[in-house]
Amino acid sequence: MREYTTDEIDQRFELLDRYERRCIIYFLRGTETDHVSISDVVSHLQKRDPTPDGHDRLAIAIQHNHLPKLAATGVLDFDAGSGTVRYNGDDLVEALLETTPE
């Protein structure tokens, strides 16, 4: 694994401090396809934590908060135009997730 700066390490910890982002990464790591639709990501998270009125709120949070944050660090590619997400991986994120319960 390459050496990371303190800023990069802090950034990865910040990414993983939210349950939703960890779930997104776990979901994308487990998919067999290269690209996943944003609606599939939302559906997966909704199944894990169902709330009757939360689907729209969750979809907005995923599309406008969580996916852009993950994309900004290169962990994934997020294309709002096509409505797809592609997991790129990140060695440090992977190492941190190994020590974090799903």
Protein backbone atom coordinates (compact mmCIF):
# COMPACT_ATOMS: atom_id res chain seq x y z
CA MET A 1 0.00 0.00 0.00
CA ARG A 2 1.26 3.47 -0.82
CA GLU A 3 1.97 6.06 1.85
CA TYR A 4 -0.87 8.50 2.50
CA THR A 5 -0.64 12.06 3.74
CA THR A 6 -2.36 13.09 6.95
CA ASP A 7 -4.94 14.97 4.90
CA GLU A 8 -5.68 11.89 2.79
CA ILE A 9 -6.08 9.75 5.90
CA ASP A 10 -8.40 12.30 7.51
CA GLN A 11 -10.40 12.46 4.30
CA ARG A 12 -10.87 8.67 4.22
CA PHE A 13 -11.97 8.62 7.87
CA GLU A 14 -14.46 11.39 7.10
CA LEU A 15 -15.81 9.36 4.18
CA LEU A 16 -16.36 6.34 6.35
CA ASP A 17 -17.85 8.17 9.33
CA ARG A 18 -21.32 7.91 7.78
CA TYR A 19 -23.21 4.62 7.78
CA GLU A 20 -24.74 5.39 4.37
CA ARG A 21 -21.36 5.78 2.68
CA ARG A 22 -20.05 2.56 4.20
CA CYS A 23 -23.18 0.76 2.97
CA ILE A 24 -22.75 2.21 -0.50
CA ILE A 25 -19.16 0.97 -0.66
CA TYR A 26 -20.07 -2.49 0.66
CA PHE A 27 -22.89 -2.71 -1.88
CA LEU A 28 -20.73 -1.62 -4.82
CA ARG A 29 -17.92 -3.99 -3.81
CA GLY A 30 -20.38 -6.87 -3.89
CA THR A 31 -21.94 -6.19 -7.27
CA GLU A 32 -21.01 -8.23 -10.29
CA THR A 33 -21.51 -5.45 -12.82
CA ASP A 34 -19.20 -2.60 -13.70
CA HIS A 35 -21.85 0.12 -13.35
CA VAL A 36 -24.79 0.26 -10.94
CA SER A 37 -27.79 2.54 -11.19
CA ILE A 38 -28.30 5.14 -8.50
CA SER A 39 -31.80 3.75 -7.97
CA ASP A 40 -30.26 0.33 -7.16
CA VAL A 41 -28.01 1.99 -4.58
CA VAL A 42 -30.99 3.79 -3.03
CA SER A 43 -33.06 0.58 -2.99
CA HIS A 44 -30.25 -1.31 -1.29
CA LEU A 45 -29.91 1.28 1.46
CA GLN A 46 -33.68 1.53 1.87
CA LYS A 47 -33.85 -2.25 2.44
CA ARG A 48 -31.17 -2.01 5.13
CA ASP A 49 -32.91 0.81 6.98
CA PRO A 50 -36.54 1.06 5.85
CA THR A 51 -38.51 4.12 6.81
CA PRO A 52 -41.96 4.79 5.32
CA ASP A 53 -41.31 8.39 4.31
CA GLY A 54 -37.56 8.13 3.99
CA HIS A 55 -37.13 6.88 0.41
CA ASP A 56 -37.19 10.32 -1.23
CA ARG A 57 -35.09 11.87 1.51
CA LEU A 58 -32.58 9.02 1.25
CA ALA A 59 -32.43 9.32 -2.55
CA ILE A 60 -31.70 13.04 -2.30
CA ALA A 61 -29.02 12.53 0.37
CA ILE A 62 -27.33 9.79 -1.66
CA GLN A 63 -27.35 11.71 -4.92
CA HIS A 64 -26.46 15.16 -3.56
CA ASN A 65 -24.26 14.33 -0.59
CA HIS A 66 -22.87 10.82 -0.26
CA LEU A 67 -22.05 9.94 -3.89
CA PRO A 68 -20.39 13.31 -4.63
CA LYS A 69 -18.21 12.97 -1.50
CA LEU A 70 -17.15 9.47 -2.49
CA ALA A 71 -16.50 10.60 -6.07
CA ALA A 72 -14.43 13.60 -4.96
CA THR A 73 -11.81 11.26 -3.51
CA GLY A 74 -11.89 8.90 -6.48
CA VAL A 75 -13.39 5.99 -4.54
CA LEU A 76 -16.11 5.82 -7.17
CA ASP A 77 -17.27 7.46 -10.37
CA PHE A 78 -20.68 9.06 -10.17
CA ASP A 79 -22.48 10.19 -13.30
CA ALA A 80 -25.68 12.03 -12.42
CA GLY A 81 -26.54 12.39 -16.10
CA SER A 82 -26.68 8.67 -16.78
CA GLY A 83 -27.71 7.84 -13.21
CA THR A 84 -24.87 5.37 -12.71
CA VAL A 85 -22.12 4.68 -10.22
CA ARG A 86 -18.90 2.70 -10.68
CA TYR A 87 -16.70 1.58 -7.79
CA ASN A 88 -12.99 2.27 -8.28
CA GLY A 89 -11.71 1.05 -4.95
CA ASP A 90 -9.16 2.67 -2.69
CA ASP A 91 -6.47 0.79 -0.77
CA LEU A 92 -6.83 2.85 2.39
CA VAL A 93 -10.63 2.68 2.37
CA GLU A 94 -10.42 -1.09 1.85
CA ALA A 95 -7.99 -1.45 4.77
CA LEU A 96 -10.21 0.64 7.05
CA LEU A 97 -13.32 -1.32 6.07
CA GLU A 98 -11.56 -4.57 6.97
CA THR A 99 -11.56 -3.42 10.59
CA THR A 100 -15.12 -2.07 10.55
CA PRO A 101 -18.18 -4.27 11.05
CA GLU A 102 -20.71 -4.17 8.24
